[in-house]
Amino acid sequence: MIVAGLGFRSAATAQDLLAALSLWPQRPDLLATATRKASAPAFADLARQLDLPAIGVDVAGVTTPTTSSRVEDAFFTGSLSEAAALMAAGQGAQLIQTRLVTPNGMATIAIAEGPGL
């Protein structure tokens, strides 16, 4: 299973998240973000537009290859997108793309591959 983990600012739109997805050439099987961001309208709109399942996962304490001090302070992980991708991809998941940031800085994406939850 290919999981796209998404991190995004509260003002991000579905278009901002779509811009993040466009940074990866392959369609994911699942969209994931932190539990407290999963109910954001932009995240739900993106899932509907692409007809993809979307879930929120607990990202606290997940070790990631990249870090953002703002994300560490708010979510207790180095990268929300990397942590979400890894958690949703399941036990033994591997990142196949570390965090990428959209040009406008509103969203990030990371891709993990694994068996799924």
PDB file of N, CA and C in Angstrom:
ATOM      1  N   MET A   1       0.839  -1.170   0.000  1.00  0.00           N
ATOM      2  CA  MET A   1       0.000   0.000   0.000  1.00  0.00           C
ATOM      3  C   MET A   1       0.888   1.239   0.000  1.00  0.00           C
ATOM      4  N   ILE A   2       0.529   2.198  -0.836  1.00  0.00           N
ATOM      5  CA  ILE A   2       1.229   3.476  -0.909  1.00  0.00           C
ATOM      6  C   ILE A   2       0.387   4.521  -0.175  1.00  0.00           C
ATOM      7  N   VAL A   3       0.998   5.155   0.830  1.00  0.00           N
ATOM      8  CA  VAL A   3       0.295   6.145   1.645  1.00  0.00           C
ATOM      9  C   VAL A   3       0.940   7.508   1.468  1.00  0.00           C
ATOM     10  N   ALA A   4       0.116   8.500   1.190  1.00  0.00           N
ATOM     11  CA  ALA A   4       0.575   9.888   1.144  1.00  0.00           C
ATOM     12  C   ALA A   4       0.254  10.533   2.484  1.00  0.00           C
ATOM     13  N   GLY A   5       1.278  10.871   3.224  1.00  0.00           N
ATOM     14  CA  GLY A   5       1.101  11.609   4.467  1.00  0.00           C
ATOM     15  C   GLY A   5       1.125  13.092   4.157  1.00  0.00           C
ATOM     16  N   LEU A   6       0.152  13.812   4.687  1.00  0.00           N
ATOM     17  CA  LEU A   6       0.037  15.237   4.412  1.00  0.00           C
ATOM     18  C   LEU A   6       0.106  16.047   5.699  1.00  0.00           C
ATOM     19  N   GLY A   7       0.909  17.073   5.665  1.00  0.00           N
ATOM     20  CA  GLY A   7       0.934  18.078   6.706  1.00  0.00           C
ATOM     21  C   GLY A   7       0.511  19.378   6.062  1.00  0.00           C
ATOM     22  N   PHE A   8      -0.184  20.216   6.794  1.00  0.00           N
ATOM     23  CA  PHE A   8      -0.656  21.461   6.177  1.00  0.00           C
ATOM     24  C   PHE A   8      -1.006  22.496   7.235  1.00  0.00           C
ATOM     25  N   ARG A   9      -0.883  23.739   6.841  1.00  0.00           N
ATOM     26  CA  ARG A   9      -1.246  24.856   7.713  1.00  0.00           C
ATOM     27  C   ARG A   9      -2.762  24.946   7.803  1.00  0.00           C
ATOM     28  N   SER A  10      -3.264  25.550   8.855  1.00  0.00           N
ATOM     29  CA  SER A  10      -4.718  25.630   9.046  1.00  0.00           C
ATOM     30  C   SER A  10      -5.407  26.411   7.935  1.00  0.00           C
ATOM     31  N   ALA A  11      -4.718  27.308   7.271  1.00  0.00           N
ATOM     32  CA  ALA A  11      -5.309  28.083   6.178  1.00  0.00           C
ATOM     33  C   ALA A  11      -5.209  27.393   4.822  1.00  0.00           C
ATOM     34  N   ALA A  12      -4.629  26.198   4.788  1.00  0.00           N
ATOM     35  CA  ALA A  12      -4.462  25.486   3.514  1.00  0.00           C
ATOM     36  C   ALA A  12      -5.815  25.112   2.915  1.00  0.00           C
ATOM     37  N   THR A  13      -5.863  25.118   1.590  1.00  0.00           N
ATOM     38  CA  THR A  13      -7.062  24.725   0.848  1.00  0.00           C
ATOM     39  C   THR A  13      -6.837  23.351   0.220  1.00  0.00           C
ATOM     40  N   ALA A  14      -7.897  22.795  -0.329  1.00  0.00           N
ATOM     41  CA  ALA A  14      -7.774  21.528  -1.052  1.00  0.00           C
ATOM     42  C   ALA A  14      -6.795  21.685  -2.211  1.00  0.00           C
ATOM     43  N   GLN A  15      -6.763  22.865  -2.826  1.00  0.00           N
ATOM     44  CA  GLN A  15      -5.817  23.120  -3.924  1.00  0.00           C
ATOM     45  C   GLN A  15      -4.374  23.068  -3.432  1.00  0.00           C
ATOM     46  N   ASP A  16      -4.137  23.568  -2.227  1.00  0.00           N
ATOM     47  CA  ASP A  16      -2.788  23.483  -1.650  1.00  0.00           C
ATOM     48  C   ASP A  16      -2.388  22.025  -1.430  1.00  0.00           C
ATOM     49  N   LEU A  17      -3.322  21.218  -0.954  1.00  0.00           N
ATOM     50  CA  LEU A  17      -3.026  19.802  -0.732  1.00  0.00           C
ATOM     51  C   LEU A  17      -2.849  19.073  -2.057  1.00  0.00           C
ATOM     52  N   LEU A  18      -3.633  19.451  -3.053  1.00  0.00           N
ATOM     53  CA  LEU A  18      -3.471  18.871  -4.388  1.00  0.00           C
ATOM     54  C   LEU A  18      -2.097  19.229  -4.954  1.00  0.00           C
ATOM     55  N   ALA A  19      -1.642  20.443  -4.689  1.00  0.00           N
ATOM     56  CA  ALA A  19      -0.299  20.850  -5.119  1.00  0.00           C
ATOM     57  C   ALA A  19       0.763  19.972  -4.463  1.00  0.00           C
ATOM     58  N   ALA A  20       0.556  19.621  -3.198  1.00  0.00           N
ATOM     59  CA  ALA A  20       1.496  18.718  -2.522  1.00  0.00           C
ATOM     60  C   ALA A  20       1.486  17.345  -3.192  1.00  0.00           C
ATOM     61  N   LEU A  21       0.299  16.832  -3.474  1.00  0.00           N
ATOM     62  CA  LEU A  21       0.205  15.523  -4.139  1.00  0.00           C
ATOM     63  C   LEU A  21       0.853  15.533  -5.511  1.00  0.00           C
ATOM     64  N   SER A  22       0.825  16.670  -6.179  1.00  0.00           N
ATOM     65  CA  SER A  22       1.421  16.748  -7.516  1.00  0.00           C
ATOM     66  C   SER A  22       2.944  16.642  -7.479  1.00  0.00           C
ATOM     67  N   LEU A  23       3.539  16.755  -6.296  1.00  0.00           N
ATOM     68  CA  LEU A  23       4.987  16.615  -6.159  1.00  0.00           C
ATOM     69  C   LEU A  23       5.428  15.148  -6.229  1.00  0.00           C
ATOM     70  N   TRP A  24       4.484  14.226  -6.181  1.00  0.00           N
ATOM     71  CA  TRP A  24       4.768  12.791  -6.260  1.00  0.00           C
ATOM     72  C   TRP A  24       4.053  12.242  -7.490  1.00  0.00           C
ATOM     73  N   PRO A  25       4.734  11.510  -8.348  1.00  0.00           N
ATOM     74  CA  PRO A  25       4.145  11.115  -9.635  1.00  0.00           C
ATOM     75  C   PRO A  25       3.115   9.978  -9.595  1.00  0.00           C
ATOM     76  N   GLN A  26       3.018   9.266  -8.498  1.00  0.00           N
ATOM     77  CA  GLN A  26       2.152   8.088  -8.424  1.00  0.00           C
ATOM     78  C   GLN A  26       0.926   8.370  -7.549  1.00  0.00           C
ATOM     79  N   ARG A  27      -0.235   7.863  -7.962  1.00  0.00           N
ATOM     80  CA  ARG A  27      -1.453   8.008  -7.159  1.00  0.00           C
ATOM     81  C   ARG A  27      -1.341   7.116  -5.920  1.00  0.00           C
ATOM     82  N   PRO A  28      -1.554   7.684  -4.736  1.00  0.00           N
ATOM     83  CA  PRO A  28      -1.490   6.865  -3.518  1.00  0.00           C
ATOM     84  C   PRO A  28      -2.767   6.042  -3.348  1.00  0.00           C
ATOM     85  N   ASP A  29      -2.693   5.053  -2.468  1.00  0.00           N
ATOM     86  CA  ASP A  29      -3.867   4.247  -2.130  1.00  0.00           C
ATOM     87  C   ASP A  29      -4.653   4.872  -0.982  1.00  0.00           C
ATOM     88  N   LEU A  30      -3.990   5.723  -0.198  1.00  0.00           N
ATOM     89  CA  LEU A  30      -4.572   6.266   1.019  1.00  0.00           C
ATOM     90  C   LEU A  30      -3.946   7.617   1.330  1.00  0.00           C
ATOM     91  N   LEU A  31      -4.756   8.533   1.864  1.00  0.00           N
ATOM     92  CA  LEU A  31      -4.271   9.814   2.377  1.00  0.00           C
ATOM     93  C   LEU A  31      -4.292   9.750   3.898  1.00  0.00           C
ATOM     94  N   ALA A  32      -3.270  10.305   4.528  1.00  0.00           N
ATOM     95  CA  ALA A  32      -3.207  10.293   5.992  1.00  0.00           C
ATOM     96  C   ALA A  32      -2.680  11.621   6.495  1.00  0.00           C
ATOM     97  N   THR A  33      -3.126  11.995   7.677  1.00  0.00           N
ATOM     98  CA  THR A  33      -2.632  13.168   8.369  1.00  0.00           C
ATOM     99  C   THR A  33      -2.773  12.922   9.867  1.00  0.00           C
ATOM    100  N   ALA A  34      -2.380  13.884  10.677  1.00  0.00           N
ATOM    101  CA  ALA A  34      -2.531  13.764  12.125  1.00  0.00           C
ATOM    102  C   ALA A  34      -4.012  13.742  12.486  1.00  0.00           C
ATOM    103  N   THR A  35      -4.356  13.010  13.513  1.00  0.00           N
ATOM    104  CA  THR A  35      -5.752  12.871  13.932  1.00  0.00           C
ATOM    105  C   THR A  35      -6.446  14.215  14.064  1.00  0.00           C
ATOM    106  N   ARG A  36      -5.797  15.175  14.694  1.00  0.00           N
ATOM    107  CA  ARG A  36      -6.473  16.456  14.917  1.00  0.00           C
ATOM    108  C   ARG A  36      -6.607  17.311  13.662  1.00  0.00           C
ATOM    109  N   LYS A  37      -5.970  16.925  12.564  1.00  0.00           N
ATOM    110  CA  LYS A  37      -6.127  17.632  11.295  1.00  0.00           C
ATOM    111  C   LYS A  37      -7.066  16.901  10.331  1.00  0.00           C
ATOM    112  N   ALA A  38      -7.420  15.678  10.650  1.00  0.00           N
ATOM    113  CA  ALA A  38      -8.204  14.850   9.726  1.00  0.00           C
ATOM    114  C   ALA A  38      -9.588  15.412   9.423  1.00  0.00           C
ATOM    115  N   SER A  39     -10.128  16.233  10.310  1.00  0.00           N
ATOM    116  CA  SER A  39     -11.456  16.797  10.074  1.00  0.00           C
ATOM    117  C   SER A  39     -11.404  18.152   9.364  1.00  0.00           C
ATOM    118  N   ALA A  40     -10.217  18.594   8.974  1.00  0.00           N
ATOM    119  CA  ALA A  40     -10.081  19.870   8.258  1.00  0.00           C
ATOM    120  C   ALA A  40     -10.812  19.800   6.926  1.00  0.00           C
ATOM    121  N   PRO A  41     -11.574  20.820   6.585  1.00  0.00           N
ATOM    122  CA  PRO A  41     -12.312  20.816   5.317  1.00  0.00           C
ATOM    123  C   PRO A  41     -11.424  20.559   4.098  1.00  0.00           C
ATOM    124  N   ALA A  42     -10.233  21.122   4.063  1.00  0.00           N
ATOM    125  CA  ALA A  42      -9.350  20.928   2.905  1.00  0.00           C
ATOM    126  C   ALA A  42      -8.983  19.455   2.728  1.00  0.00           C
ATOM    127  N   PHE A  43      -8.733  18.761   3.830  1.00  0.00           N
ATOM    128  CA  PHE A  43      -8.360  17.342   3.772  1.00  0.00           C
ATOM    129  C   PHE A  43      -9.544  16.503   3.288  1.00  0.00           C
ATOM    130  N   ALA A  44     -10.714  16.762   3.835  1.00  0.00           N
ATOM    131  CA  ALA A  44     -11.921  16.038   3.411  1.00  0.00           C
ATOM    132  C   ALA A  44     -12.264  16.344   1.961  1.00  0.00           C
ATOM    133  N   ASP A  45     -12.129  17.601   1.558  1.00  0.00           N
ATOM    134  CA  ASP A  45     -12.416  17.976   0.166  1.00  0.00           C
ATOM    135  C   ASP A  45     -11.477  17.261  -0.798  1.00  0.00           C
ATOM    136  N   LEU A  46     -10.205  17.202  -0.448  1.00  0.00           N
ATOM    137  CA  LEU A  46      -9.228  16.524  -1.307  1.00  0.00           C
ATOM    138  C   LEU A  46      -9.592  15.050  -1.467  1.00  0.00           C
ATOM    139  N   ALA A  47      -9.909  14.392  -0.368  1.00  0.00           N
ATOM    140  CA  ALA A  47     -10.270  12.973  -0.421  1.00  0.00           C
ATOM    141  C   ALA A  47     -11.489  12.757  -1.317  1.00  0.00           C
ATOM    142  N   ARG A  48     -12.478  13.634  -1.203  1.00  0.00           N
ATOM    143  CA  ARG A  48     -13.670  13.524  -2.059  1.00  0.00           C
ATOM    144  C   ARG A  48     -13.331  13.753  -3.522  1.00  0.00           C
ATOM    145  N   GLN A  49     -12.559  14.785  -3.800  1.00  0.00           N
ATOM    146  CA  GLN A  49     -12.183  15.099  -5.184  1.00  0.00           C
ATOM    147  C   GLN A  49     -11.456  13.934  -5.850  1.00  0.00           C
ATOM    148  N   LEU A  50     -10.593  13.280  -5.102  1.00  0.00           N
ATOM    149  CA  LEU A  50      -9.776  12.192  -5.661  1.00  0.00           C
ATOM    150  C   LEU A  50     -10.379  10.813  -5.448  1.00  0.00           C
ATOM    151  N   ASP A  51     -11.487  10.767  -4.712  1.00  0.00           N
ATOM    152  CA  ASP A  51     -12.140   9.498  -4.385  1.00  0.00           C
ATOM    153  C   ASP A  51     -11.136   8.527  -3.743  1.00  0.00           C
ATOM    154  N   LEU A  52     -10.452   9.037  -2.717  1.00  0.00           N
ATOM    155  CA  LEU A  52      -9.479   8.237  -1.976  1.00  0.00           C
ATOM    156  C   LEU A  52      -9.875   8.183  -0.507  1.00  0.00           C
ATOM    157  N   PRO A  53      -9.605   7.068   0.160  1.00  0.00           N
ATOM    158  CA  PRO A  53      -9.831   7.030   1.599  1.00  0.00           C
ATOM    159  C   PRO A  53      -8.836   7.950   2.296  1.00  0.00           C
ATOM    160  N   ALA A  54      -9.271   8.536   3.394  1.00  0.00           N
ATOM    161  CA  ALA A  54      -8.429   9.461   4.147  1.00  0.00           C
ATOM    162  C   ALA A  54      -8.629   9.209   5.632  1.00  0.00           C
ATOM    163  N   ILE A  55      -7.513   9.140   6.366  1.00  0.00           N
ATOM    164  CA  ILE A  55      -7.600   8.852   7.797  1.00  0.00           C
ATOM    165  C   ILE A  55      -6.695   9.782   8.598  1.00  0.00           C
ATOM    166  N   GLY A  56      -7.000   9.878   9.874  1.00  0.00           N
ATOM    167  CA  GLY A  56      -6.141  10.553  10.826  1.00  0.00           C
ATOM    168  C   GLY A  56      -5.456   9.518  11.684  1.00  0.00           C
ATOM    169  N   VAL A  57      -4.196   9.739  11.999  1.00  0.00           N
ATOM    170  CA  VAL A  57      -3.421   8.805  12.824  1.00  0.00           C
ATOM    171  C   VAL A  57      -2.680   9.580  13.902  1.00  0.00           C
ATOM    172  N   ASP A  58      -2.341   8.889  14.977  1.00  0.00           N
ATOM    173  CA  ASP A  58      -1.552   9.474  16.058  1.00  0.00           C
ATOM    174  C   ASP A  58      -0.100   9.548  15.599  1.00  0.00           C
ATOM    175  N   VAL A  59       0.454  10.740  15.554  1.00  0.00           N
ATOM    176  CA  VAL A  59       1.823  10.921  15.079  1.00  0.00           C
ATOM    177  C   VAL A  59       2.818  11.212  16.201  1.00  0.00           C
ATOM    178  N   ALA A  60       2.334  11.430  17.407  1.00  0.00           N
ATOM    179  CA  ALA A  60       3.208  11.780  18.528  1.00  0.00           C
ATOM    180  C   ALA A  60       4.244  10.692  18.776  1.00  0.00           C
ATOM    181  N   GLY A  61       5.485  11.114  18.900  1.00  0.00           N
ATOM    182  CA  GLY A  61       6.566  10.191  19.226  1.00  0.00           C
ATOM    183  C   GLY A  61       7.161   9.437  18.057  1.00  0.00           C
ATOM    184  N   VAL A  62       6.647   9.644  16.865  1.00  0.00           N
ATOM    185  CA  VAL A  62       7.188   8.949  15.694  1.00  0.00           C
ATOM    186  C   VAL A  62       8.488   9.638  15.267  1.00  0.00           C
ATOM    187  N   THR A  63       9.554   8.864  15.141  1.00  0.00           N
ATOM    188  CA  THR A  63      10.844   9.381  14.695  1.00  0.00           C
ATOM    189  C   THR A  63      10.830   9.523  13.181  1.00  0.00           C
ATOM    190  N   THR A  64      11.250  10.689  12.701  1.00  0.00           N
ATOM    191  CA  THR A  64      11.243  10.960  11.262  1.00  0.00           C
ATOM    192  C   THR A  64      12.615  11.440  10.812  1.00  0.00           C
ATOM    193  N   PRO A  65      12.952  11.223   9.534  1.00  0.00           N
ATOM    194  CA  PRO A  65      14.261  11.647   9.048  1.00  0.00           C
ATOM    195  C   PRO A  65      14.435  13.164   8.955  1.00  0.00           C
ATOM    196  N   THR A  66      13.343  13.896   8.761  1.00  0.00           N
ATOM    197  CA  THR A  66      13.454  15.352   8.720  1.00  0.00           C
ATOM    198  C   THR A  66      12.700  15.939   9.904  1.00  0.00           C
ATOM    199  N   THR A  67      13.043  17.167  10.246  1.00  0.00           N
ATOM    200  CA  THR A  67      12.387  17.782  11.399  1.00  0.00           C
ATOM    201  C   THR A  67      12.064  19.247  11.141  1.00  0.00           C
ATOM    202  N   SER A  68      10.987  19.664  11.759  1.00  0.00           N
ATOM    203  CA  SER A  68      10.571  21.065  11.796  1.00  0.00           C
ATOM    204  C   SER A  68      10.319  21.385  13.261  1.00  0.00           C
ATOM    205  N   SER A  69      10.968  22.416  13.770  1.00  0.00           N
ATOM    206  CA  SER A  69      10.784  22.740  15.190  1.00  0.00           C
ATOM    207  C   SER A  69       9.337  23.122  15.478  1.00  0.00           C
ATOM    208  N   ARG A  70       8.663  23.761  14.531  1.00  0.00           N
ATOM    209  CA  ARG A  70       7.251  24.126  14.720  1.00  0.00           C
ATOM    210  C   ARG A  70       6.395  22.870  14.856  1.00  0.00           C
ATOM    211  N   VAL A  71       6.651  21.878  14.029  1.00  0.00           N
ATOM    212  CA  VAL A  71       5.902  20.619  14.091  1.00  0.00           C
ATOM    213  C   VAL A  71       6.249  19.855  15.360  1.00  0.00           C
ATOM    214  N   GLU A  72       7.513  19.849  15.741  1.00  0.00           N
ATOM    215  CA  GLU A  72       7.914  19.171  16.985  1.00  0.00           C
ATOM    216  C   GLU A  72       7.161  19.740  18.181  1.00  0.00           C
ATOM    217  N   ASP A  73       7.058  21.057  18.240  1.00  0.00           N
ATOM    218  CA  ASP A  73       6.368  21.709  19.360  1.00  0.00           C
ATOM    219  C   ASP A  73       4.872  21.400  19.368  1.00  0.00           C
ATOM    220  N   ALA A  74       4.264  21.334  18.201  1.00  0.00           N
ATOM    221  CA  ALA A  74       2.806  21.159  18.110  1.00  0.00           C
ATOM    222  C   ALA A  74       2.360  19.697  18.090  1.00  0.00           C
ATOM    223  N   PHE A  75       3.165  18.809  17.487  1.00  0.00           N
ATOM    224  CA  PHE A  75       2.725  17.427  17.270  1.00  0.00           C
ATOM    225  C   PHE A  75       3.631  16.369  17.885  1.00  0.00           C
ATOM    226  N   PHE A  76       4.749  16.790  18.473  1.00  0.00           N
ATOM    227  CA  PHE A  76       5.685  15.863  19.131  1.00  0.00           C
ATOM    228  C   PHE A  76       6.260  14.821  18.174  1.00  0.00           C
ATOM    229  N   THR A  77       6.513  15.252  16.951  1.00  0.00           N
ATOM    230  CA  THR A  77       7.201  14.468  15.938  1.00  0.00           C
ATOM    231  C   THR A  77       7.952  15.446  15.053  1.00  0.00           C
ATOM    232  N   GLY A  78       8.955  14.978  14.345  1.00  0.00           N
ATOM    233  CA  GLY A  78       9.747  15.877  13.513  1.00  0.00           C
ATOM    234  C   GLY A  78       9.054  16.358  12.255  1.00  0.00           C
ATOM    235  N   SER A  79       8.287  15.472  11.640  1.00  0.00           N
ATOM    236  CA  SER A  79       7.595  15.797  10.392  1.00  0.00           C
ATOM    237  C   SER A  79       6.216  15.168  10.424  1.00  0.00           C
ATOM    238  N   LEU A  80       5.189  16.006  10.379  1.00  0.00           N
ATOM    239  CA  LEU A  80       3.824  15.488  10.411  1.00  0.00           C
ATOM    240  C   LEU A  80       3.553  14.596   9.202  1.00  0.00           C
ATOM    241  N   SER A  81       3.967  15.022   8.012  1.00  0.00           N
ATOM    242  CA  SER A  81       3.682  14.230   6.815  1.00  0.00           C
ATOM    243  C   SER A  81       4.412  12.886   6.840  1.00  0.00           C
ATOM    244  N   GLU A  82       5.654  12.872   7.260  1.00  0.00           N
ATOM    245  CA  GLU A  82       6.399  11.606   7.329  1.00  0.00           C
ATOM    246  C   GLU A  82       5.803  10.679   8.381  1.00  0.00           C
ATOM    247  N   ALA A  83       5.506  11.226   9.548  1.00  0.00           N
ATOM    248  CA  ALA A  83       4.942  10.406  10.624  1.00  0.00           C
ATOM    249  C   ALA A  83       3.579   9.844  10.231  1.00  0.00           C
ATOM    250  N   ALA A  84       2.734  10.658   9.612  1.00  0.00           N
ATOM    251  CA  ALA A  84       1.408  10.188   9.199  1.00  0.00           C
ATOM    252  C   ALA A  84       1.524   9.090   8.152  1.00  0.00           C
ATOM    253  N   ALA A  85       2.414   9.274   7.193  1.00  0.00           N
ATOM    254  CA  ALA A  85       2.598   8.257   6.151  1.00  0.00           C
ATOM    255  C   ALA A  85       3.065   6.938   6.764  1.00  0.00           C
ATOM    256  N   LEU A  86       4.056   7.013   7.648  1.00  0.00           N
ATOM    257  CA  LEU A  86       4.584   5.797   8.274  1.00  0.00           C
ATOM    258  C   LEU A  86       3.534   5.084   9.124  1.00  0.00           C
ATOM    259  N   MET A  87       2.813   5.824   9.942  1.00  0.00           N
ATOM    260  CA  MET A  87       1.814   5.202  10.821  1.00  0.00           C
ATOM    261  C   MET A  87       0.689   4.560  10.018  1.00  0.00           C
ATOM    262  N   ALA A  88       0.208   5.238   8.994  1.00  0.00           N
ATOM    263  CA  ALA A  88      -0.898   4.697   8.199  1.00  0.00           C
ATOM    264  C   ALA A  88      -0.469   3.531   7.321  1.00  0.00           C
ATOM    265  N   ALA A  89       0.803   3.490   6.952  1.00  0.00           N
ATOM    266  CA  ALA A  89       1.292   2.394   6.108  1.00  0.00           C
ATOM    267  C   ALA A  89       1.507   1.106   6.899  1.00  0.00           C
ATOM    268  N   GLY A  90       1.481   1.186   8.218  1.00  0.00           N
ATOM    269  CA  GLY A  90       1.504  -0.012   9.048  1.00  0.00           C
ATOM    270  C   GLY A  90       2.878  -0.483   9.475  1.00  0.00           C
ATOM    271  N   GLN A  91       2.837  -1.575  10.227  1.00  0.00           N
ATOM    272  CA  GLN A  91       4.049  -2.185  10.797  1.00  0.00           C
ATOM    273  C   GLN A  91       5.079  -2.453   9.712  1.00  0.00           C
ATOM    274  N   GLY A  92       6.310  -2.007   9.942  1.00  0.00           N
ATOM    275  CA  GLY A  92       7.402  -2.256   9.007  1.00  0.00           C
ATOM    276  C   GLY A  92       7.411  -1.343   7.791  1.00  0.00           C
ATOM    277  N   ALA A  93       6.580  -0.313   7.788  1.00  0.00           N
ATOM    278  CA  ALA A  93       6.525   0.603   6.646  1.00  0.00           C
ATOM    279  C   ALA A  93       7.858   1.306   6.449  1.00  0.00           C
ATOM    280  N   GLN A  94       8.105   1.687   5.212  1.00  0.00           N
ATOM    281  CA  GLN A  94       9.321   2.408   4.841  1.00  0.00           C
ATOM    282  C   GLN A  94       8.936   3.688   4.110  1.00  0.00           C
ATOM    283  N   LEU A  95       9.617   4.775   4.436  1.00  0.00           N
ATOM    284  CA  LEU A  95       9.428   5.993   3.647  1.00  0.00           C
ATOM    285  C   LEU A  95      10.085   5.793   2.292  1.00  0.00           C
ATOM    286  N   ILE A  96       9.368   6.090   1.235  1.00  0.00           N
ATOM    287  CA  ILE A  96       9.973   6.042  -0.095  1.00  0.00           C
ATOM    288  C   ILE A  96      10.163   7.453  -0.643  1.00  0.00           C
ATOM    289  N   GLN A  97       9.610   8.430   0.065  1.00  0.00           N
ATOM    290  CA  GLN A  97       9.853   9.840  -0.242  1.00  0.00           C
ATOM    291  C   GLN A  97       9.746  10.631   1.051  1.00  0.00           C
ATOM    292  N   THR A  98      10.835  11.267   1.440  1.00  0.00           N
ATOM    293  CA  THR A  98      10.780  12.127   2.612  1.00  0.00           C
ATOM    294  C   THR A  98       9.988  13.388   2.279  1.00  0.00           C
ATOM    295  N   ARG A  99       9.792  14.178   3.275  1.00  0.00           N
ATOM    296  CA  ARG A  99       8.955  15.374   3.179  1.00  0.00           C
ATOM    297  C   ARG A  99       9.355  16.289   2.026  1.00  0.00           C
ATOM    298  N   LEU A 100       8.337  16.651   1.238  1.00  0.00           N
ATOM    299  CA  LEU A 100       8.460  17.668   0.200  1.00  0.00           C
ATOM    300  C   LEU A 100       7.513  18.802   0.567  1.00  0.00           C
ATOM    301  N   VAL A 101       7.918  20.023   0.301  1.00  0.00           N
ATOM    302  CA  VAL A 101       7.130  21.198   0.662  1.00  0.00           C
ATOM    303  C   VAL A 101       6.630  21.887  -0.603  1.00  0.00           C
ATOM    304  N   THR A 102       5.360  22.261  -0.604  1.00  0.00           N
ATOM    305  CA  THR A 102       4.815  22.989  -1.750  1.00  0.00           C
ATOM    306  C   THR A 102       5.517  24.334  -1.893  1.00  0.00           C
ATOM    307  N   PRO A 103       5.552  24.883  -3.102  1.00  0.00           N
ATOM    308  CA  PRO A 103       6.223  26.168  -3.299  1.00  0.00           C
ATOM    309  C   PRO A 103       5.683  27.295  -2.404  1.00  0.00           C
ATOM    310  N   ASN A 104       4.389  27.274  -2.103  1.00  0.00           N
ATOM    311  CA  ASN A 104       3.838  28.336  -1.257  1.00  0.00           C
ATOM    312  C   ASN A 104       3.972  28.036   0.239  1.00  0.00           C
ATOM    313  N   GLY A 105       4.523  26.875   0.597  1.00  0.00           N
ATOM    314  CA  GLY A 105       4.762  26.521   1.990  1.00  0.00           C
ATOM    315  C   GLY A 105       3.524  26.145   2.789  1.00  0.00           C
ATOM    316  N   MET A 106       2.392  25.953   2.124  1.00  0.00           N
ATOM    317  CA  MET A 106       1.140  25.660   2.835  1.00  0.00           C
ATOM    318  C   MET A 106       0.973  24.178   3.165  1.00  0.00           C
ATOM    319  N   ALA A 107       1.684  23.295   2.473  1.00  0.00           N
ATOM    320  CA  ALA A 107       1.486  21.862   2.690  1.00  0.00           C
ATOM    321  C   ALA A 107       2.775  21.091   2.449  1.00  0.00           C
ATOM    322  N   THR A 108       2.846  19.921   3.089  1.00  0.00           N
ATOM    323  CA  THR A 108       3.954  18.998   2.867  1.00  0.00           C
ATOM    324  C   THR A 108       3.382  17.630   2.548  1.00  0.00           C
ATOM    325  N   ILE A 109       4.180  16.830   1.879  1.00  0.00           N
ATOM    326  CA  ILE A 109       3.796  15.455   1.561  1.00  0.00           C
ATOM    327  C   ILE A 109       5.002  14.557   1.773  1.00  0.00           C
ATOM    328  N   ALA A 110       4.747  13.357   2.260  1.00  0.00           N
ATOM    329  CA  ALA A 110       5.743  12.296   2.351  1.00  0.00           C
ATOM    330  C   ALA A 110       5.027  11.007   1.948  1.00  0.00           C
ATOM    331  N   ILE A 111       5.769  10.074   1.399  1.00  0.00           N
ATOM    332  CA  ILE A 111       5.179   8.829   0.900  1.00  0.00           C
ATOM    333  C   ILE A 111       5.818   7.639   1.602  1.00  0.00           C
ATOM    334  N   ALA A 112       4.967   6.741   2.082  1.00  0.00           N
ATOM    335  CA  ALA A 112       5.441   5.501   2.709  1.00  0.00           C
ATOM    336  C   ALA A 112       4.785   4.314   2.031  1.00  0.00           C
ATOM    337  N   GLU A 113       5.474   3.196   2.086  1.00  0.00           N
ATOM    338  CA  GLU A 113       4.942   1.947   1.545  1.00  0.00           C
ATOM    339  C   GLU A 113       4.952   0.907   2.649  1.00  0.00           C
ATOM    340  N   GLY A 114       3.867   0.183   2.765  1.00  0.00           N
ATOM    341  CA  GLY A 114       3.752  -0.853   3.791  1.00  0.00           C
ATOM    342  C   GLY A 114       2.470  -1.632   3.621  1.00  0.00           C
ATOM    343  N   PRO A 115       2.209  -2.526   4.569  1.00  0.00           N
ATOM    344  CA  PRO A 115       1.015  -3.389   4.474  1.00  0.00           C
ATOM    345  C   PRO A 115      -0.293  -2.679   4.780  1.00  0.00           C
ATOM    346  N   GLY A 116      -0.224  -1.486   5.365  1.00  0.00           N
ATOM    347  CA  GLY A 116      -1.436  -0.783   5.781  1.00  0.00           C
ATOM    348  C   GLY A 116      -1.785  -1.128   7.206  1.00  0.00           C
ATOM    349  N   LEU A 117      -2.714  -0.370   7.757  1.00  0.00           N
ATOM    350  CA  LEU A 117      -3.136  -0.590   9.151  1.00  0.00           C
ATOM    351  C   LEU A 117      -3.905  -1.882   9.317  1.00  0.00           C
TER     352      LEU A 117
END
